[in-house]
Amino acid sequence: MTLTSLDSLLPWRTLVRLPDEELARVDIAAMDLACAAGLPGCDDLDVPAGLRRLDEWTGSCWRFTERVMPMFHAGRCDYPDSEPRFRVQAMISHLQRDLGIRFRFDRRSDDAVYEPQDSFITGVLRGLGGTCASLPVLYMAVGRRLGYPIMLAATRGHLYCRWDAEPGGEVFNIEGSGDGISFFPDEHYRTGPKYEMPAEAAAACGFLRSHSPREDLAGFLVERGECWRELKNYNDAMTAYAWANELAPDWAHTPILIAQGFRLWDEAIQARRFWGFPALDLGIPASQFQHPPREAEKNMIWMRVTEDLLNDPDYERRWWGPLRRNPGVRPPGLPETLRIDFRWNQPGRTVPANR
């Protein structure tokens, strides 16, 4: 009935390198939590205990569904012609009504301030409630443990679920982020003031269809990037965006996020640079990406190195502080150019180029 998730606790940097068939076996809840790891408010969750709680909720949903299935067979229900809809309605109704898993009341207003734990299932597992970014993930995690073919789908600014039993089975949308449950048609998610967009735009962004496991991971990394960007940590934000683009290169909106992130990061760095800051001679490694342009990867490395140099306390004491206090006087030992051999995920080695 239930599926243990404790063997799926892999870091997201490992997940992005898994082959498709291995990634498809990773629990969606563990994937979501891996992408939340390290974010403020998300890094102190007892993950094994949280996943065991998810298994307990699944067991409760299974028992409730078995108890009410005679209503379906007797035709005394809302969906007498669709057992999948009846099962989904039973699962989400039990989660909401009996287990208290609901949309966070204090996040319902349009001007509500979201925290990282609202973007991932961390908040749900802590008993705080969820949002449209986290509740669909929870429903998919429970549904998959019950053996249901539930997948994630997205529209502009909103995540939802789909029952996708193709080929040959039923396919329908599942909306459970509010109170209760609805089965809206696709048109609902691209019309009206909230979701309105041309069909071509929806297709270009991968909206209104079931996501593959790679796209699930890409979506979680976009959420991770958005959280870091909100916190003005552009280094980690751009890393998350770049890997999302690597996983889902056909999504039209991810390159836009990358361009916006570069602009904000560059503005933050230029505001800290000053007269006399040395030129950089970067030794750049082979590309770790296939899809983000090589020039974008070089820009990311340049900004990361520059930010690391500005944040270095030893350089601040020896060079940057004296330069700010006396812009016309070059501090002893500060070269005109710094040679830096950059390595991904390792500290770069700084070597003054004129020594």
Protein backbone atom coordinates (compact mmCIF):
# COMPACT_ATOMS: atom_id res chain seq x y z
CA MET A 1 0.00 0.00 0.00
CA THR A 2 2.63 2.53 1.04
CA LEU A 3 6.01 3.20 -0.47
CA THR A 4 9.00 3.93 1.71
CA SER A 5 10.82 7.13 0.76
CA LEU A 6 13.86 6.92 2.99
CA ASP A 7 16.03 5.45 0.25
CA SER A 8 15.29 8.44 -2.02
CA LEU A 9 16.90 11.14 0.11
CA LEU A 10 19.41 12.33 -2.47
CA PRO A 11 20.74 15.91 -2.77
CA TRP A 12 19.32 17.85 -5.68
CA ARG A 13 22.81 18.10 -7.24
CA THR A 14 22.74 14.30 -7.45
CA LEU A 15 19.18 14.19 -8.75
CA VAL A 16 19.92 16.47 -11.73
CA ARG A 17 22.49 13.96 -13.00
CA LEU A 18 20.34 10.83 -12.72
CA PRO A 19 19.20 9.06 -15.91
CA ASP A 20 15.50 9.40 -16.66
CA GLU A 21 14.62 5.87 -15.54
CA GLU A 22 16.30 6.36 -12.15
CA LEU A 23 14.80 9.81 -11.64
CA ALA A 24 11.34 8.37 -12.34
CA ARG A 25 11.76 6.10 -9.31
CA VAL A 26 12.49 8.96 -6.90
CA ASP A 27 9.65 9.82 -4.56
CA ILE A 28 8.16 13.19 -5.53
CA ALA A 29 8.10 14.28 -1.86
CA ALA A 30 11.80 13.47 -1.43
CA MET A 31 12.55 15.34 -4.67
CA ASP A 32 10.64 18.39 -3.41
CA LEU A 33 12.42 18.34 -0.04
CA ALA A 34 15.82 17.94 -1.71
CA CYS A 35 15.23 21.19 -3.61
CA ALA A 36 14.16 22.93 -0.39
CA ALA A 37 17.28 21.87 1.51
CA GLY A 38 19.39 24.79 2.69
CA LEU A 39 16.68 27.42 2.28
CA PRO A 40 15.88 29.46 5.42
CA GLY A 41 13.11 27.80 7.36
CA CYS A 42 13.47 24.52 5.46
CA ASP A 43 16.83 23.17 6.54
CA ASP A 44 15.89 22.06 10.07
CA LEU A 45 13.05 19.71 9.13
CA ASP A 46 13.38 16.12 10.34
CA VAL A 47 13.00 14.70 6.84
CA PRO A 48 12.73 10.98 7.71
CA ALA A 49 10.07 11.79 10.32
CA GLY A 50 8.24 13.98 7.80
CA LEU A 51 8.20 11.23 5.19
CA ARG A 52 6.99 8.71 7.75
CA ARG A 53 4.15 11.12 8.51
CA LEU A 54 3.35 11.17 4.81
CA ASP A 55 3.19 7.38 4.81
CA GLU A 56 0.84 7.51 7.81
CA TRP A 57 -1.45 9.95 5.99
CA THR A 58 -1.41 7.60 3.00
CA GLY A 59 -2.47 4.67 5.18
CA SER A 60 -5.31 6.73 6.62
CA CYS A 61 -6.45 7.71 3.11
CA TRP A 62 -6.38 4.08 1.99
CA ARG A 63 -8.52 2.98 4.93
CA PHE A 64 -11.01 5.83 4.37
CA THR A 65 -11.28 5.10 0.65
CA GLU A 66 -11.90 1.41 1.25
CA ARG A 67 -14.61 2.34 3.73
CA VAL A 68 -16.49 4.57 1.27
CA MET A 69 -16.01 2.52 -1.91
CA PRO A 70 -19.42 0.81 -1.44
CA MET A 71 -20.97 4.24 -2.07
CA PHE A 72 -19.36 4.31 -5.51
CA HIS A 73 -20.45 0.78 -6.39
CA ALA A 74 -24.00 1.66 -5.31
CA GLY A 75 -23.98 4.81 -7.45
CA ARG A 76 -24.50 7.03 -4.38
CA CYS A 77 -21.76 9.59 -5.16
CA ASP A 78 -20.89 12.63 -7.27
CA TYR A 79 -19.02 10.64 -9.94
CA PRO A 80 -20.79 7.29 -10.41
CA ASP A 81 -19.25 6.86 -13.88
CA SER A 82 -15.64 7.53 -12.88
CA GLU A 83 -13.93 5.50 -10.20
CA PRO A 84 -10.71 7.55 -10.54
CA ARG A 85 -12.57 10.80 -9.77
CA PHE A 86 -14.32 9.17 -6.83
CA ARG A 87 -10.99 7.92 -5.45
CA VAL A 88 -9.31 11.32 -5.82
CA GLN A 89 -12.29 13.04 -4.21
CA ALA A 90 -12.12 10.60 -1.29
CA MET A 91 -8.37 11.09 -0.85
CA ILE A 92 -8.37 14.89 -0.90
CA SER A 93 -11.57 15.18 1.15
CA HIS A 94 -10.05 12.97 3.85
CA LEU A 95 -6.77 14.91 3.82
CA GLN A 96 -8.55 18.24 4.13
CA ARG A 97 -11.51 17.46 6.36
CA ASP A 98 -10.21 14.69 8.61
CA LEU A 99 -6.44 15.24 8.67
CA GLY A 100 -6.55 19.05 8.63
CA ILE A 101 -4.29 19.57 5.61
CA ARG A 102 -5.52 22.83 4.12
CA PHE A 103 -4.37 26.00 2.39
CA ARG A 104 -2.67 28.29 4.90
CA PHE A 105 -5.27 30.78 6.11
CA ASP A 106 -2.65 33.53 6.53
CA ARG A 107 -1.47 33.11 2.90
CA ARG A 108 -4.86 33.56 1.21
CA SER A 109 -4.67 37.30 0.51
CA ASP A 110 -3.06 38.62 -2.67
CA ASP A 111 -0.50 40.61 -0.67
CA ALA A 112 0.52 37.73 1.61
CA VAL A 113 4.27 37.33 2.09
CA TYR A 114 5.43 33.82 1.26
CA GLU A 115 8.37 32.10 2.92
CA PRO A 116 10.44 29.26 1.43
CA GLN A 117 8.52 26.65 3.43
CA ASP A 118 5.36 27.82 1.63
CA SER A 119 6.91 26.90 -1.73
CA PHE A 120 7.74 23.34 -0.68
CA ILE A 121 6.00 20.67 1.38
CA THR A 122 8.10 21.58 4.41
CA GLY A 123 5.30 23.75 5.77
CA VAL A 124 2.68 21.05 5.21
CA LEU A 125 4.75 18.41 7.02
CA ARG A 126 5.17 20.82 9.93
CA GLY A 127 1.41 21.22 10.23
CA LEU A 128 1.37 24.84 9.06
CA GLY A 129 -0.75 24.18 5.99
CA GLY A 130 0.15 24.52 2.34
CA THR A 131 -0.17 26.66 -0.77
CA CYS A 132 -0.78 26.01 -4.46
CA ALA A 133 2.96 25.31 -4.74
CA SER A 134 3.01 22.61 -2.06
CA LEU A 135 -0.45 21.02 -1.78
CA PRO A 136 -0.41 19.52 -5.31
CA VAL A 137 2.95 17.92 -4.49
CA LEU A 138 1.46 16.44 -1.34
CA TYR A 139 -1.55 15.10 -3.27
CA MET A 140 0.72 13.55 -5.87
CA ALA A 141 2.94 12.00 -3.18
CA VAL A 142 -0.02 10.43 -1.39
CA GLY A 143 -1.72 9.43 -4.63
CA ARG A 144 1.39 7.73 -5.98
CA ARG A 145 1.72 5.77 -2.73
CA LEU A 146 -1.86 4.60 -3.31
CA GLY A 147 -0.98 3.50 -6.83
CA TYR A 148 -2.76 6.36 -8.62
CA PRO A 149 -1.29 7.82 -11.88
CA ILE A 150 -1.24 11.38 -10.52
CA MET A 151 1.15 13.90 -12.07
CA LEU A 152 1.92 17.58 -11.69
CA ALA A 153 0.93 20.26 -14.19
CA ALA A 154 1.26 24.03 -14.18
CA THR A 155 -0.19 27.22 -15.52
CA ARG A 156 0.94 30.78 -14.99
CA GLY A 157 1.78 31.17 -11.31
CA HIS A 158 -0.09 28.03 -10.27
CA LEU A 159 0.55 24.32 -9.79
CA TYR A 160 -2.11 21.61 -9.91
CA CYS A 161 -2.44 17.84 -10.44
CA ARG A 162 -3.62 15.62 -13.25
CA TRP A 163 -4.86 12.06 -13.25
CA ASP A 164 -3.10 10.79 -16.35
CA ALA A 165 -3.76 7.14 -17.17
CA GLU A 166 -2.71 7.44 -20.82
CA PRO A 167 -2.66 5.49 -22.99
CA GLY A 168 -6.25 4.43 -22.93
CA GLY A 169 -7.30 5.56 -19.47
CA GLU A 170 -8.91 8.66 -18.02
CA VAL A 171 -7.15 12.04 -18.02
CA PHE A 172 -8.47 14.94 -15.96
CA ASN A 173 -7.26 17.91 -13.94
CA ILE A 174 -7.36 17.94 -10.14
CA GLU A 175 -7.72 21.23 -8.26
CA GLY A 176 -7.45 20.90 -4.49
CA SER A 177 -5.54 23.99 -3.39
CA GLY A 178 -8.64 25.76 -2.10
CA ASP A 179 -11.46 24.37 -0.02
CA GLY A 180 -12.71 21.10 -1.41
CA ILE A 181 -11.88 19.66 -4.82
CA SER A 182 -12.73 20.50 -8.42
CA PHE A 183 -12.03 18.89 -11.78
CA PHE A 184 -11.64 21.88 -14.08
CA PRO A 185 -11.10 21.57 -17.85
CA ASP A 186 -7.86 22.83 -19.39
CA GLU A 187 -9.57 26.02 -20.53
CA HIS A 188 -9.98 27.08 -16.90
CA TYR A 189 -6.18 27.29 -16.56
CA ARG A 190 -5.58 29.63 -19.49
CA THR A 191 -8.56 32.01 -19.26
CA GLY A 192 -9.78 34.70 -16.91
CA PRO A 193 -7.75 37.50 -15.31
CA LYS A 194 -5.54 35.11 -13.33
CA TYR A 195 -4.41 32.66 -16.00
CA GLU A 196 -5.22 34.29 -19.34
CA MET A 197 -2.65 33.52 -22.03
CA PRO A 198 -2.57 32.44 -25.68
CA ALA A 199 -2.48 28.71 -26.32
CA GLU A 200 0.93 29.12 -27.98
CA ALA A 201 2.38 30.71 -24.84
CA ALA A 202 1.01 27.94 -22.66
CA ALA A 203 2.58 25.32 -24.93
CA ALA A 204 5.93 27.14 -25.02
CA CYS A 205 6.12 27.14 -21.22
CA GLY A 206 5.10 23.52 -20.80
CA PHE A 207 1.78 24.50 -19.21
CA LEU A 208 -1.51 22.58 -19.16
CA ARG A 209 0.03 19.14 -19.54
CA SER A 210 1.48 16.43 -17.32
CA HIS A 211 5.09 16.94 -16.33
CA SER A 212 7.80 14.35 -16.75
CA PRO A 213 10.02 13.58 -13.74
CA ARG A 214 12.73 15.84 -15.21
CA GLU A 215 10.18 18.65 -15.48
CA ASP A 216 9.03 18.03 -11.91
CA LEU A 217 12.61 18.53 -10.75
CA ALA A 218 13.02 21.57 -13.00
CA GLY A 219 9.89 23.12 -11.49
CA PHE A 220 11.16 22.59 -7.96
CA LEU A 221 14.50 24.17 -8.91
CA VAL A 222 12.68 27.19 -10.35
CA GLU A 223 10.92 27.52 -6.98
CA ARG A 224 14.29 27.23 -5.25
CA GLY A 225 15.69 29.93 -7.51
CA GLU A 226 12.73 32.21 -6.83
CA CYS A 227 13.22 31.81 -3.07
CA TRP A 228 16.94 32.65 -3.28
CA ARG A 229 16.28 35.59 -5.59
CA GLU A 230 13.75 37.00 -3.13
CA LEU A 231 16.48 36.75 -0.47
CA LYS A 232 18.93 38.49 -2.86
CA ASN A 233 21.18 35.43 -2.96
CA TYR A 234 21.69 35.64 -6.72
CA ASN A 235 24.50 33.10 -6.83
CA ASP A 236 22.30 30.24 -5.60
CA ALA A 237 19.30 31.58 -7.51
CA MET A 238 21.15 31.53 -10.83
CA THR A 239 22.55 28.07 -10.14
CA ALA A 240 19.01 26.74 -9.57
CA TYR A 241 17.67 28.48 -12.69
CA ALA A 242 20.52 27.14 -14.82
CA TRP A 243 19.90 23.56 -13.75
CA ALA A 244 16.16 24.00 -14.31
CA ASN A 245 16.97 25.14 -17.86
CA GLU A 246 19.25 22.13 -18.28
CA LEU A 247 16.47 19.74 -17.25
CA ALA A 248 13.67 21.41 -19.23
CA PRO A 249 15.36 23.29 -22.10
CA ASP A 250 12.09 23.71 -24.01
CA TRP A 251 10.47 25.85 -21.31
CA ALA A 252 10.35 29.41 -22.65
CA HIS A 253 10.04 31.10 -19.25
CA THR A 254 13.27 29.79 -17.66
CA PRO A 255 15.65 31.79 -19.92
CA ILE A 256 13.62 34.88 -18.99
CA LEU A 257 14.21 34.17 -15.30
CA ILE A 258 17.92 33.70 -16.01
CA ALA A 259 18.12 37.05 -17.82
CA GLN A 260 16.26 38.82 -15.00
CA GLY A 261 18.53 37.18 -12.42
CA PHE A 262 21.68 38.24 -14.26
CA ARG A 263 20.47 41.83 -14.38
CA LEU A 264 19.75 41.94 -10.65
CA TRP A 265 23.00 40.19 -9.76
CA ASP A 266 25.04 42.52 -11.96
CA GLU A 267 23.37 45.56 -10.39
CA ALA A 268 24.18 44.25 -6.90
CA ILE A 269 27.83 43.63 -7.81
CA GLN A 270 28.33 46.94 -9.61
CA ALA A 271 26.97 48.77 -6.56
CA ARG A 272 29.80 47.23 -4.50
CA ARG A 273 32.68 47.62 -6.96
CA PHE A 274 34.97 50.63 -6.65
CA TRP A 275 37.85 52.37 -8.33
CA GLY A 276 40.99 50.26 -8.29
CA PHE A 277 39.27 46.86 -8.20
CA PRO A 278 41.61 44.54 -10.13
CA ALA A 279 40.83 43.02 -13.49
CA LEU A 280 40.08 39.29 -13.52
CA ASP A 281 41.87 36.70 -15.63
CA LEU A 282 39.63 33.66 -15.26
CA GLY A 283 40.60 30.09 -15.96
CA ILE A 284 37.19 28.68 -16.86
CA PRO A 285 36.56 24.92 -16.81
CA ALA A 286 34.71 22.90 -19.39
CA SER A 287 30.98 23.57 -19.44
CA GLN A 288 28.86 21.65 -16.99
CA PHE A 289 25.69 22.49 -18.93
CA GLN A 290 24.48 21.53 -22.38
CA HIS A 291 21.55 23.91 -22.74
CA PRO A 292 22.22 27.28 -21.07
CA PRO A 293 24.44 29.23 -23.52
CA ARG A 294 28.17 29.07 -22.83
CA GLU A 295 28.22 32.86 -22.54
CA ALA A 296 25.62 32.71 -19.77
CA GLU A 297 27.77 30.16 -17.91
CA LYS A 298 30.83 32.43 -18.25
CA ASN A 299 28.82 35.38 -16.91
CA MET A 300 27.71 33.26 -13.96
CA ILE A 301 31.32 32.33 -13.18
CA TRP A 302 32.52 35.94 -13.47
CA MET A 303 29.80 37.19 -11.12
CA ARG A 304 30.36 34.38 -8.63
CA VAL A 305 34.10 34.99 -8.52
CA THR A 306 33.67 38.76 -8.21
CA GLU A 307 31.17 38.37 -5.38
CA ASP A 308 33.40 35.87 -3.59
CA LEU A 309 36.34 38.28 -3.83
CA LEU A 310 34.26 41.14 -2.44
CA ASN A 311 33.05 38.94 0.42
CA ASP A 312 36.51 37.63 1.36
CA PRO A 313 37.31 39.01 4.85
CA ASP A 314 41.07 38.80 4.33
CA TYR A 315 40.90 40.77 1.08
CA GLU A 316 38.56 43.23 2.76
CA ARG A 317 41.13 43.84 5.49
CA ARG A 318 44.17 43.99 3.19
CA TRP A 319 42.81 45.58 0.02
CA TRP A 320 39.15 46.57 -0.29
CA GLY A 321 38.87 48.49 2.98
CA PRO A 322 42.06 50.55 2.40
CA LEU A 323 40.99 51.26 -1.20
CA ARG A 324 37.64 52.62 -0.07
CA ARG A 325 39.28 54.83 2.54
CA ASN A 326 42.05 56.07 0.22
CA PRO A 327 40.93 55.59 -3.40
CA GLY A 328 44.12 57.14 -4.81
CA VAL A 329 46.50 54.86 -2.92
CA ARG A 330 46.93 51.24 -4.05
CA PRO A 331 47.34 48.94 -1.04
CA PRO A 332 50.56 46.90 -0.83
CA GLY A 333 50.36 43.56 -2.62
CA LEU A 334 47.22 44.34 -4.66
CA PRO A 335 47.94 43.36 -8.28
CA GLU A 336 46.48 44.98 -11.35
CA THR A 337 45.04 41.60 -12.40
CA LEU A 338 43.98 38.56 -10.42
CA ARG A 339 44.35 35.17 -12.05
CA ILE A 340 41.71 32.74 -10.80
CA ASP A 341 41.41 29.09 -11.82
CA PHE A 342 37.73 28.40 -11.30
CA ARG A 343 36.36 24.97 -10.47
CA TRP A 344 32.64 24.21 -10.09
CA ASN A 345 31.66 23.40 -6.50
CA GLN A 346 35.21 24.02 -5.29
CA PRO A 347 36.92 27.19 -4.07
CA GLY A 348 38.76 28.93 -6.85
CA ARG A 349 42.49 29.37 -6.45
CA THR A 350 43.46 33.05 -6.60
CA VAL A 351 46.87 33.81 -8.01
CA PRO A 352 48.03 37.39 -8.64
CA ALA A 353 48.77 37.44 -12.37
CA ASN A 354 51.79 39.76 -12.09
CA ARG A 355 53.68 37.56 -9.62
